[in-house]
Amino acid sequence: MPAEATPTTLTADRGASSKTHFPLDVKFPVYSVAWTDDHTVVLAGGGGSSRTGVKNRLSMYSVDLKQRQLSLKQEHELSREEDAPMTIAIDLETKALAAGINSSATELEKGVNENLRVFSFAGENIEYQKRSSTLSSTDPDHYQKVTAFSRSSPKMLAVGSTNSQLSLLSYPDLRDVCPTLDYNGEEIFDADFNDDGEMLAGTSSNKLCVWPTKVADSSTVPEPLQVIERPVLKRELACTFRAAKFGRKSTASNLYTVVNAAPSGSVRKPPAGSKKAFVSLWDARAWRLLKTRTVSQKPVTAFDVSDDGTLLAYGSSDLSIGILDAVTLRPIVTVLHAHDFPVTSLKFNPSGSILVSGSADNSIRVVRVPSADQRGGNSATYMVLFTLLVLVLAILIQQSFGEDLLRAARQAM
C-alpha cells in the first residue's frame, strides 16, 4: 500500500468555539513530541513495520498560533522495515535529537537491535548521525520507551525501556556511565535529570529511585540516593507510579511525582470514584512530601514540566489534558476532550507559551498557555488581594457607619 502524502499545511477549523486550543489531524499516530525552538515542533510516529501505508517519520512543523496553523518544514522519513520512533528527546545546546527506534524484524532475528538513534538538526534539516544498542532483548515487544538529555554539562543521556532497563550514557560518545540499572521486570515509564545533572530519577510502576550520575567506578551499579515508596491510600486501592520529574530553575529543588490509583484485584465491586490520579510535590533536598493534588479520575499517561519550572502538564486516559501551577498545584487550564485516544506525549515549548500533545489517534492538540499575568494569582497574591479588600471594606464601613459606631462606643463607656 503506498504511503499517504504528508500535508504541508494543517489548519484548524476557524469555527471552533475555543480560541485557546485547537486539534489538528496529522494523518499518522504520534508517539512523541519535542521542540527545536519556540515555534518549531517535531512530531515522531508512524505505522511501524506493518504494511499499513503509514510511513515512519520525524516531522518538523512551524507553529502559528494566530493562524491556528502548522506548516511542514521538513520530514525525515524512516525505514518501513523498522519500528516507528516511540520516544524522542532534543538537546537545544548541541542541536541533537535522540530517538528510540527498534531495528527490523530481520535484524532482531539475528540478535541485533540498534534501538538508540541520534540525529542532528539545524534550521530545517534533520540528519541521521549514528546508532547504538542499549536493549539486551531482541523481543519485538520490547522497545525504548523513555529518552532524556541532561540539562547541564558534561552531557548525559538516559534511556529507559519496556524490558526493565535504565541506561545512563555519556554524550556524544554513548558510553555507559555505569552498568544498566535494573527495575525488576517492570517497564520504565519516566527518567529525568535535575538541573545540575547530578541526579537521575528513574520510574517504573512500583519503583522510583533517584540515582547519582557521578560514579567512582563505572563497572559497579551505584546505590540510589533516594528511594520513594509507593503511597498506600486504602486497602482496596493499588497505587502505581507513572512519572517523576525534577523542577527547573525556580523550582529546581522540587521533585514531582505522578501516581495512578485503581481498585486492587481483590475488590469485587469498586466504590464510585475509586480510580484517580494525583500529582505530588516533594522537597528534593529533605525528601519530604509537601503537597498532593488529585488531577483526574482515570490514570495519567503523560507528564511534563516547563523549562522555566513554573508549569506542569499532564494527559489522562479520560482523554483530557491539564496544566497546573508548579508551586501551588492549582489548575490553570483543562481541556476535557483533547483527543479520541489517550495522550501518548505532551511537551511545552522552550518559553512555556505553547503546549502540544499527541495521540495514537493521528491527532495533536495545540494549547495556548496563559501568560503569568493571565493565570491568576498564587497564594501570596490572593493574600494581598484579600488584605486590600479588607482595607476597602473598613474604609466603606467607616464612611457609612463611623459616627454611629463612635456614638455606640461612647455610650458603652
Protein backbone atom coordinates (compact mmCIF):
# COMPACT_ATOMS: atom_id res chain seq x y z
CA MET A 1 0.00 0.00 0.00
CA PRO A 2 1.55 3.35 -0.99
CA ALA A 3 2.20 5.84 1.79
CA GLU A 4 -0.19 8.75 2.07
CA ALA A 5 1.44 12.09 1.27
CA THR A 6 2.10 14.28 4.26
CA PRO A 7 0.09 17.53 4.12
CA THR A 8 2.34 20.58 4.01
CA THR A 9 -0.14 22.84 5.83
CA LEU A 10 -2.53 21.92 8.62
CA THR A 11 -5.16 24.49 9.56
CA ALA A 12 -7.67 24.23 12.39
CA ASP A 13 -11.35 24.86 11.88
CA ARG A 14 -11.84 28.59 12.43
CA GLY A 15 -15.40 27.93 13.55
CA ALA A 16 -14.21 26.09 16.66
CA SER A 17 -15.57 27.62 19.84
CA SER A 18 -12.30 27.67 21.78
CA LYS A 19 -9.74 30.30 20.87
CA THR A 20 -7.12 28.99 23.28
CA HIS A 21 -6.61 25.49 21.88
CA PHE A 22 -7.30 23.53 18.71
CA PRO A 23 -6.88 19.99 17.32
CA LEU A 24 -5.17 19.04 14.07
CA ASP A 25 -5.26 15.79 12.10
CA VAL A 26 -1.63 14.97 11.19
CA LYS A 27 -2.51 11.69 9.41
CA PHE A 28 -0.24 9.44 11.48
CA PRO A 29 -0.06 8.11 15.06
CA VAL A 30 2.02 10.49 17.18
CA TYR A 31 4.07 8.80 19.90
CA SER A 32 6.40 11.61 20.97
CA VAL A 33 6.68 15.40 20.78
CA ALA A 34 9.70 17.75 21.15
CA TRP A 35 10.64 21.32 20.24
CA THR A 36 13.72 22.63 18.38
CA ASP A 37 12.83 26.26 19.19
CA ASP A 38 9.87 28.28 20.43
CA HIS A 39 7.87 27.90 17.21
CA THR A 40 9.16 24.63 15.73
CA VAL A 41 7.85 21.28 16.90
CA VAL A 42 8.94 17.77 15.93
CA LEU A 43 6.31 15.02 15.85
CA ALA A 44 7.55 11.41 15.92
CA GLY A 45 5.49 8.38 14.97
CA GLY A 46 4.12 6.27 12.16
CA GLY A 47 2.74 2.85 11.40
CA GLY A 48 5.74 0.78 12.47
CA SER A 49 6.82 -2.20 10.40
CA SER A 50 3.24 -3.13 9.48
CA ARG A 51 2.10 -2.70 5.89
CA THR A 52 -0.47 -0.02 6.65
CA GLY A 53 0.89 2.57 4.26
CA VAL A 54 1.57 4.91 7.19
CA LYS A 55 5.26 5.77 6.99
CA ASN A 56 7.54 6.18 9.99
CA ARG A 57 8.79 9.73 10.33
CA LEU A 58 10.18 12.67 12.21
CA SER A 59 8.12 15.62 11.01
CA MET A 60 9.23 19.18 11.75
CA TYR A 61 6.50 21.84 11.72
CA SER A 62 6.41 25.56 12.36
CA VAL A 63 3.56 26.54 14.68
CA ASP A 64 1.46 29.67 14.04
CA LEU A 65 -0.94 30.25 16.92
CA LYS A 66 -2.54 33.30 15.35
CA GLN A 67 -3.41 31.46 12.15
CA ARG A 68 -4.11 28.23 14.07
CA GLN A 69 -1.82 26.50 11.64
CA LEU A 70 1.13 24.13 11.30
CA SER A 71 3.42 24.29 8.26
CA LEU A 72 5.69 21.40 7.37
CA LYS A 73 9.35 22.47 7.35
CA GLN A 74 10.93 19.07 6.85
CA GLU A 75 10.03 15.42 7.10
CA HIS A 76 12.72 12.85 7.80
CA GLU A 77 11.30 9.57 6.53
CA LEU A 78 12.43 6.45 8.37
CA SER A 79 12.68 2.84 7.25
CA ARG A 80 9.41 0.99 6.73
CA GLU A 81 11.12 -2.21 7.82
CA GLU A 82 11.80 -0.84 11.29
CA ASP A 83 9.57 0.25 14.12
CA ALA A 84 8.13 3.73 14.47
CA PRO A 85 10.00 6.18 16.71
CA MET A 86 8.34 5.65 20.10
CA THR A 87 10.24 8.33 22.00
CA ILE A 88 12.38 11.37 21.17
CA ALA A 89 14.31 13.97 23.15
CA ILE A 90 16.01 17.13 21.96
CA ASP A 91 19.03 18.96 23.36
CA LEU A 92 18.94 22.58 22.20
CA GLU A 93 22.56 23.27 23.13
CA THR A 94 24.12 20.55 20.97
CA LYS A 95 21.31 20.53 18.36
CA ALA A 96 20.86 16.80 18.92
CA LEU A 97 17.77 14.62 18.66
CA ALA A 98 17.80 11.16 20.24
CA ALA A 99 15.11 8.65 19.31
CA GLY A 100 14.05 5.13 20.20
CA ILE A 101 13.55 3.02 17.06
CA ASN A 102 13.64 -0.77 17.06
CA SER A 103 15.59 -2.45 14.26
CA SER A 104 13.86 -4.51 11.57
CA ALA A 105 12.46 -7.97 12.25
CA THR A 106 15.33 -9.43 10.20
CA GLU A 107 17.91 -7.76 12.42
CA LEU A 108 16.06 -8.77 15.58
CA GLU A 109 16.14 -12.40 14.45
CA LYS A 110 19.92 -12.05 14.16
CA GLY A 111 20.05 -10.85 17.76
CA VAL A 112 20.71 -7.22 16.81
CA ASN A 113 18.60 -4.28 17.95
CA GLU A 114 20.22 -0.87 17.49
CA ASN A 115 17.40 0.88 19.26
CA LEU A 116 19.05 4.22 20.06
CA ARG A 117 19.33 6.62 17.11
CA VAL A 118 20.94 10.05 17.14
CA PHE A 119 20.15 12.83 14.68
CA SER A 120 21.27 16.43 14.36
CA PHE A 121 19.08 19.35 13.44
CA ALA A 122 19.99 22.75 12.06
CA GLY A 123 17.49 25.14 10.59
CA GLU A 124 15.02 22.98 8.70
CA ASN A 125 17.17 19.85 8.36
CA ILE A 126 17.15 16.65 10.40
CA GLU A 127 20.16 14.49 9.62
CA TYR A 128 20.99 10.98 10.82
CA GLN A 129 24.24 10.73 12.83
CA LYS A 130 24.67 7.33 14.46
CA ARG A 131 23.04 4.45 16.30
CA SER A 132 23.71 2.24 19.30
CA SER A 133 22.15 -0.56 21.31
CA THR A 134 21.01 -0.31 24.93
CA LEU A 135 18.50 -3.18 24.91
CA SER A 136 19.63 -6.66 25.84
CA SER A 137 16.35 -8.06 24.49
CA THR A 138 15.55 -8.63 20.82
CA ASP A 139 11.89 -9.33 21.55
CA PRO A 140 9.93 -7.01 19.19
CA ASP A 141 7.53 -6.27 22.04
CA HIS A 142 10.36 -4.61 23.96
CA TYR A 143 11.33 -1.11 22.91
CA GLN A 144 12.89 2.14 24.06
CA LYS A 145 10.10 3.96 25.88
CA VAL A 146 11.93 6.86 27.56
CA THR A 147 14.68 9.22 26.37
CA ALA A 148 16.06 12.23 28.30
CA PHE A 149 19.05 14.56 27.92
CA SER A 150 20.72 16.17 30.91
CA ARG A 151 20.40 19.96 31.00
CA SER A 152 23.96 20.53 32.21
CA SER A 153 27.48 19.75 31.04
CA PRO A 154 29.00 17.28 30.56
CA LYS A 155 26.02 16.00 28.61
CA MET A 156 24.40 12.70 29.50
CA LEU A 157 21.57 10.68 28.05
CA ALA A 158 19.13 8.45 29.92
CA VAL A 159 17.39 5.66 28.02
CA GLY A 160 14.62 3.53 29.54
CA SER A 161 12.93 0.52 28.00
CA THR A 162 9.91 -1.71 28.42
CA ASN A 163 12.15 -4.62 29.42
CA SER A 164 13.14 -3.03 32.74
CA GLN A 165 16.44 -1.44 31.68
CA LEU A 166 17.51 2.12 32.51
CA SER A 167 20.80 3.12 30.88
CA LEU A 168 22.88 6.17 31.79
CA LEU A 169 25.15 7.19 28.92
CA SER A 170 27.71 9.91 28.34
CA TYR A 171 27.02 12.08 25.29
CA PRO A 172 28.02 12.25 22.48
CA ASP A 173 30.09 9.05 22.70
CA LEU A 174 27.15 7.00 24.10
CA ARG A 175 29.32 5.10 26.56
CA ASP A 176 27.89 3.60 29.73
CA VAL A 177 28.46 5.80 32.78
CA CYS A 178 27.57 2.79 34.93
CA PRO A 179 26.11 -0.67 34.38
CA THR A 180 22.48 -0.87 33.33
CA LEU A 181 20.08 -0.11 36.17
CA ASP A 182 17.55 -2.93 36.50
CA TYR A 183 13.92 -2.37 37.53
CA ASN A 184 12.87 -5.92 38.42
CA GLY A 185 10.99 -6.77 35.25
CA GLU A 186 8.93 -3.55 35.13
CA GLU A 187 8.92 -1.23 32.14
CA ILE A 188 10.49 2.18 32.63
CA PHE A 189 7.86 4.94 32.50
CA ASP A 190 9.98 8.04 33.03
CA ALA A 191 13.53 9.35 33.51
CA ASP A 192 14.65 12.88 34.29
CA PHE A 193 17.83 14.70 35.36
CA ASN A 194 17.89 17.52 37.88
CA ASP A 195 19.20 20.92 36.75
CA ASP A 196 22.85 20.36 37.68
CA GLY A 197 22.84 16.83 36.25
CA GLU A 198 23.98 15.19 39.46
CA MET A 199 20.79 13.16 39.98
CA LEU A 200 18.69 10.97 37.70
CA ALA A 201 15.15 9.95 38.67
CA GLY A 202 14.03 6.69 37.10
CA THR A 203 10.45 5.47 37.39
CA SER A 204 8.64 2.19 36.91
CA SER A 205 5.21 1.29 38.24
CA ASN A 206 6.50 0.13 41.64
CA LYS A 207 9.99 1.57 41.83
CA LEU A 208 11.06 5.22 41.97
CA CYS A 209 14.78 5.66 42.55
CA VAL A 210 16.98 8.74 42.42
CA TRP A 211 20.44 7.74 41.20
CA PRO A 212 23.77 9.56 41.35
CA THR A 213 25.24 10.36 37.93
CA LYS A 214 28.80 10.84 39.17
CA VAL A 215 30.19 7.41 39.99
CA ALA A 216 33.70 6.48 41.05
CA ASP A 217 33.63 3.04 39.43
CA SER A 218 31.90 2.70 36.06
CA SER A 219 31.82 -1.09 36.46
CA THR A 220 29.70 -1.04 39.63
CA VAL A 221 25.99 -0.34 39.92
CA PRO A 222 25.64 2.71 42.21
CA GLU A 223 23.47 2.79 45.29
CA PRO A 224 20.40 5.01 44.89
CA LEU A 225 20.49 8.35 46.65
CA GLN A 226 16.82 8.06 47.49
CA VAL A 227 14.03 5.51 47.08
CA ILE A 228 10.47 6.81 47.21
CA GLU A 229 7.89 4.25 48.26
CA ARG A 230 4.53 3.93 46.59
CA PRO A 231 1.81 5.60 48.66
CA VAL A 232 -0.85 3.48 50.34
CA LEU A 233 -4.24 5.19 50.30
CA LYS A 234 -6.69 2.45 51.21
CA ARG A 235 -6.56 -1.31 51.36
CA GLU A 236 -8.80 -1.64 48.31
CA LEU A 237 -6.69 0.73 46.18
CA ALA A 238 -3.47 -0.18 44.38
CA CYS A 239 -1.15 2.76 43.68
CA THR A 240 1.46 2.79 40.92
CA PHE A 241 3.94 5.41 39.75
CA ARG A 242 3.61 6.87 36.28
CA ALA A 243 6.15 9.70 36.19
CA ALA A 244 8.72 11.61 38.22
CA LYS A 245 10.38 14.83 37.10
CA PHE A 246 12.54 17.41 38.79
CA GLY A 247 11.56 21.05 38.77
CA ARG A 248 13.54 23.53 36.71
CA LYS A 249 15.22 26.82 37.61
CA SER A 250 12.94 28.48 40.21
CA THR A 251 11.57 25.07 41.24
CA ALA A 252 14.84 23.13 40.81
CA SER A 253 14.72 21.84 44.40
CA ASN A 254 11.36 20.13 43.76
CA LEU A 255 10.52 16.65 42.55
CA TYR A 256 7.09 16.00 41.05
CA THR A 257 5.63 12.50 41.07
CA VAL A 258 2.53 11.16 39.33
CA VAL A 259 0.69 8.24 40.93
CA ASN A 260 -2.27 6.35 39.47
CA ALA A 261 -4.64 4.63 41.89
CA ALA A 262 -7.10 1.91 40.90
CA PRO A 263 -9.08 -0.80 42.70
CA SER A 264 -6.92 -3.78 43.58
CA GLY A 265 -7.70 -7.18 42.11
CA SER A 266 -9.22 -8.36 45.38
CA VAL A 267 -12.05 -5.82 45.21
CA ARG A 268 -15.16 -7.24 43.55
CA LYS A 269 -17.24 -4.10 43.49
CA PRO A 270 -15.05 -0.99 43.48
CA PRO A 271 -16.64 2.04 45.10
CA ALA A 272 -17.53 5.02 42.93
CA GLY A 273 -14.62 7.37 42.40
CA SER A 274 -12.05 4.79 43.46
CA LYS A 275 -9.95 5.41 40.35
CA LYS A 276 -7.84 8.54 40.46
CA ALA A 277 -4.53 10.08 39.52
CA PHE A 278 -2.67 12.60 41.59
CA VAL A 279 0.42 14.78 41.37
CA SER A 280 2.65 15.22 44.41
CA LEU A 281 5.27 17.85 45.16
CA TRP A 282 8.40 16.78 47.07
CA ASP A 283 11.27 18.74 48.54
CA ALA A 284 14.21 17.08 46.74
CA ARG A 285 16.67 18.26 49.40
CA ALA A 286 14.98 16.91 52.52
CA TRP A 287 12.96 14.30 50.55
CA ARG A 288 9.80 15.47 52.25
CA LEU A 289 6.31 15.37 50.74
CA LEU A 290 4.94 18.92 50.61
CA LYS A 291 1.55 18.64 48.91
CA THR A 292 -0.63 16.46 46.68
CA ARG A 293 -3.50 17.20 44.30
CA THR A 294 -5.91 14.82 42.57
CA VAL A 295 -5.92 15.71 38.86
CA SER A 296 -8.02 13.01 37.19
CA GLN A 297 -10.43 10.17 37.85
CA LYS A 298 -8.53 7.98 35.38
CA PRO A 299 -4.82 7.18 35.01
CA VAL A 300 -2.39 9.84 33.80
CA THR A 301 -0.50 8.74 30.68
CA ALA A 302 1.92 11.65 30.04
CA PHE A 303 3.60 14.37 32.12
CA ASP A 304 5.88 17.37 31.52
CA VAL A 305 7.47 20.33 33.32
CA SER A 306 8.03 23.67 31.57
CA ASP A 307 11.62 24.80 31.05
CA ASP A 308 11.23 27.69 33.49
CA GLY A 309 9.84 25.33 36.14
CA THR A 310 6.59 27.24 36.72
CA LEU A 311 4.13 24.89 35.00
CA LEU A 312 3.23 21.19 34.94
CA ALA A 313 1.23 19.44 32.22
CA TYR A 314 -0.47 16.06 32.21
CA GLY A 315 -2.51 13.92 29.85
CA SER A 316 -5.10 11.48 31.18
CA SER A 317 -6.68 8.31 29.84
CA ASP A 318 -10.02 10.10 30.24
CA LEU A 319 -8.81 11.94 27.08
CA SER A 320 -8.21 15.24 28.88
CA ILE A 321 -5.08 17.33 29.27
CA GLY A 322 -4.36 19.85 32.00
CA ILE A 323 -1.86 22.47 33.12
CA LEU A 324 -1.03 23.12 36.78
CA ASP A 325 0.87 25.81 38.66
CA ALA A 326 4.13 24.14 39.73
CA VAL A 327 4.21 25.82 43.15
CA THR A 328 0.60 25.52 44.29
CA LEU A 329 -0.52 22.62 42.02
CA ARG A 330 -3.52 24.81 41.22
CA PRO A 331 -5.25 24.01 37.87
CA ILE A 332 -4.68 26.66 35.22
CA VAL A 333 -6.01 25.01 32.03
CA THR A 334 -8.14 21.92 31.45
CA VAL A 335 -9.14 20.56 28.05
CA LEU A 336 -11.73 17.85 28.64
CA HIS A 337 -11.72 16.03 25.28
CA ALA A 338 -8.33 16.74 23.78
CA HIS A 339 -8.09 13.51 21.76
CA ASP A 340 -10.11 10.42 20.86
CA PHE A 341 -7.39 8.13 22.27
CA PRO A 342 -5.29 8.72 25.40
CA VAL A 343 -2.36 11.13 25.19
CA THR A 344 0.94 9.47 24.29
CA SER A 345 3.16 12.53 24.78
CA LEU A 346 2.96 16.24 25.55
CA LYS A 347 5.59 18.97 25.67
CA PHE A 348 5.87 22.68 26.47
CA ASN A 349 7.84 24.83 24.04
CA PRO A 350 11.02 26.45 25.49
CA SER A 351 9.26 29.63 26.65
CA GLY A 352 6.30 27.72 28.10
CA SER A 353 3.82 29.66 25.93
CA ILE A 354 2.58 26.65 23.91
CA LEU A 355 1.77 23.06 24.87
CA VAL A 356 1.41 20.39 22.20
CA SER A 357 0.01 16.93 22.94
CA GLY A 358 -0.03 13.93 20.64
CA SER A 359 -2.02 10.71 20.43
CA ALA A 360 -2.18 7.45 18.50
CA ASP A 361 -5.49 8.70 17.05
CA ASN A 362 -3.46 10.65 14.41
CA SER A 363 -4.07 13.97 16.12
CA ILE A 364 -2.27 16.66 18.04
CA ARG A 365 -3.74 19.36 20.26
CA VAL A 366 -2.14 22.82 20.34
CA VAL A 367 -2.79 24.81 23.53
CA ARG A 368 -2.03 28.48 24.06
CA VAL A 369 -0.66 28.66 27.62
CA PRO A 370 -1.90 31.69 29.61
CA SER A 371 0.81 34.21 30.42
CA ALA A 372 1.85 34.71 34.04
CA ASP A 373 -0.49 37.72 34.29
CA GLN A 374 -3.41 35.70 32.91
CA ARG A 375 -3.02 32.69 35.19
CA GLY A 376 -4.48 34.28 38.29
CA GLY A 377 -2.57 34.85 41.49
CA ASN A 378 -0.76 32.40 43.67
CA SER A 379 -1.42 32.19 47.38
CA ALA A 380 0.70 35.28 48.09
CA THR A 381 -1.24 37.26 45.52
CA TYR A 382 -4.54 36.12 46.99
CA MET A 383 -3.36 37.26 50.43
CA VAL A 384 -2.51 40.72 49.06
CA LEU A 385 -5.89 40.98 47.34
CA PHE A 386 -7.67 39.83 50.50
CA THR A 387 -5.83 42.43 52.58
CA LEU A 388 -6.75 45.17 50.10
CA LEU A 389 -10.37 44.05 50.16
CA VAL A 390 -10.44 44.22 53.96
CA LEU A 391 -8.99 47.75 53.88
CA VAL A 392 -11.56 48.88 51.30
CA LEU A 393 -14.39 47.43 53.39
CA ALA A 394 -13.02 49.12 56.51
CA ILE A 395 -12.99 52.47 54.75
CA LEU A 396 -16.54 51.98 53.48
CA ILE A 397 -17.74 50.97 56.94
CA GLN A 398 -16.04 53.97 58.48
CA GLN A 399 -17.59 56.30 55.93
CA SER A 400 -21.08 54.80 56.23
CA PHE A 401 -21.30 53.86 59.89
CA GLY A 402 -18.38 55.60 61.54
CA GLU A 403 -20.41 58.13 63.53
CA ASP A 404 -22.87 55.50 64.72
CA LEU A 405 -20.03 53.20 65.81
CA LEU A 406 -18.31 56.01 67.71
CA ARG A 407 -21.57 57.05 69.42
CA ALA A 408 -22.25 53.44 70.49
CA ALA A 409 -18.74 53.14 71.83
CA ARG A 410 -19.07 56.33 73.89
CA GLN A 411 -22.38 55.16 75.38
CA ALA A 412 -20.79 51.91 76.43
CA MET A 413 -18.03 53.68 78.35
